[in-house]
Amino acid sequence: MRCAVISRAGQVLANGRLLIHQTETGDLRLDLATDGGRLLEGGLIEPDGDMTLASQGLSERFFEVWGMSDLILQVTVH
C-alpha cells in the first residue's frame, strides 16, 4: 500500500509504503518504509490480526521522528 504522512498544515512529510515484518521472535510488526530509505518500526500486530496497538506504535514513532502530533497517514490502495 502506498501512503503519505501529512502534517496538520497539509505538508507531505514522507511518502512510502506500509509493510508487515516478522520479528526475530516470530511476532508481526507494522512498519513504514519511506521513499527516502528510512524504516519506521511500528507496534506489534495482535495474534487475532487486530492492528490497533500496531498503528498506535507507528503513530508514536511518527512523533519521535517529526516532533508533531495529529499527523495524517493517507493510504492509497491500487
Protein backbone atom coordinates (compact mmCIF):
# COMPACT_ATOMS: atom_id res chain seq x y z
CA MET A 1 0.00 0.00 0.00
CA ARG A 2 1.28 3.43 -0.89
CA CYS A 3 0.91 6.09 1.77
CA ALA A 4 1.81 9.63 2.72
CA VAL A 5 2.45 11.12 6.15
CA ILE A 6 0.84 14.57 6.19
CA SER A 7 1.07 17.36 8.76
CA ARG A 8 -1.92 19.32 10.10
CA ALA A 9 -0.94 22.12 7.70
CA GLY A 10 -1.19 19.74 4.74
CA GLN A 11 2.55 19.35 4.12
CA VAL A 12 3.63 15.90 2.96
CA LEU A 13 6.41 14.85 5.34
CA ALA A 14 7.10 11.49 3.72
CA ASN A 15 5.82 9.11 1.09
CA GLY A 16 6.28 5.39 1.39
CA ARG A 17 4.61 2.04 1.85
CA LEU A 18 3.22 0.08 4.76
CA LEU A 19 4.86 -3.28 5.45
CA ILE A 20 4.41 -6.16 7.83
CA HIS A 21 7.68 -7.56 9.13
CA GLN A 22 8.23 -10.70 11.14
CA THR A 23 10.42 -10.11 14.19
CA GLU A 24 13.11 -12.48 15.42
CA THR A 25 10.60 -13.87 17.94
CA GLY A 26 8.02 -14.57 15.22
CA ASP A 27 5.71 -11.66 16.04
CA LEU A 28 4.38 -9.47 13.23
CA ARG A 29 5.10 -5.72 13.26
CA LEU A 30 3.53 -2.89 11.24
CA ASP A 31 6.24 -0.67 9.67
CA LEU A 32 6.51 2.22 7.24
CA ALA A 33 9.31 2.22 4.66
CA THR A 34 9.74 5.75 3.30
CA ASP A 35 10.78 6.51 -0.25
CA GLY A 36 13.81 8.24 1.29
CA GLY A 37 15.08 4.92 2.65
CA ARG A 38 14.01 5.22 6.29
CA LEU A 39 12.28 2.29 8.04
CA LEU A 40 9.95 3.38 10.82
CA GLU A 41 9.12 0.46 13.09
CA GLY A 42 5.59 0.40 14.44
CA GLY A 43 3.97 -1.75 17.06
CA LEU A 44 3.23 -5.45 17.10
CA ILE A 45 0.12 -6.85 15.44
CA GLU A 46 -2.12 -8.80 17.82
CA PRO A 47 -2.37 -12.59 17.23
CA ASP A 48 -6.00 -12.13 16.11
CA GLY A 49 -4.88 -9.65 13.42
CA ASP A 50 -6.00 -6.50 15.27
CA MET A 51 -3.69 -3.66 14.29
CA THR A 52 -4.88 -1.05 16.82
CA LEU A 53 -1.78 -1.29 19.02
CA ALA A 54 0.47 -1.67 15.98
CA SER A 55 -0.84 1.56 14.46
CA GLN A 56 -0.56 3.37 17.81
CA GLY A 57 3.09 2.29 17.95
CA LEU A 58 3.67 3.61 14.45
CA SER A 59 1.99 6.89 15.39
CA GLU A 60 4.33 7.23 18.38
CA ARG A 61 7.27 6.67 16.06
CA PHE A 62 5.99 9.46 13.77
CA PHE A 63 6.03 11.80 16.78
CA GLU A 64 9.61 10.78 17.60
CA VAL A 65 10.77 11.41 14.02
CA TRP A 66 8.84 14.58 13.15
CA GLY A 67 8.06 16.01 16.61
CA MET A 68 4.41 16.56 15.73
CA SER A 69 1.15 15.05 16.82
CA ASP A 70 -2.09 14.79 14.86
CA LEU A 71 -0.35 13.61 11.69
CA ILE A 72 -2.43 12.01 8.96
CA LEU A 73 -1.48 8.73 7.35
CA GLN A 74 -3.13 8.76 3.94
CA VAL A 75 -3.22 5.32 2.35
CA THR A 76 -3.80 4.64 -1.34
CA VAL A 77 -4.74 1.14 -2.43
CA HIS A 78 -4.19 0.32 -6.10
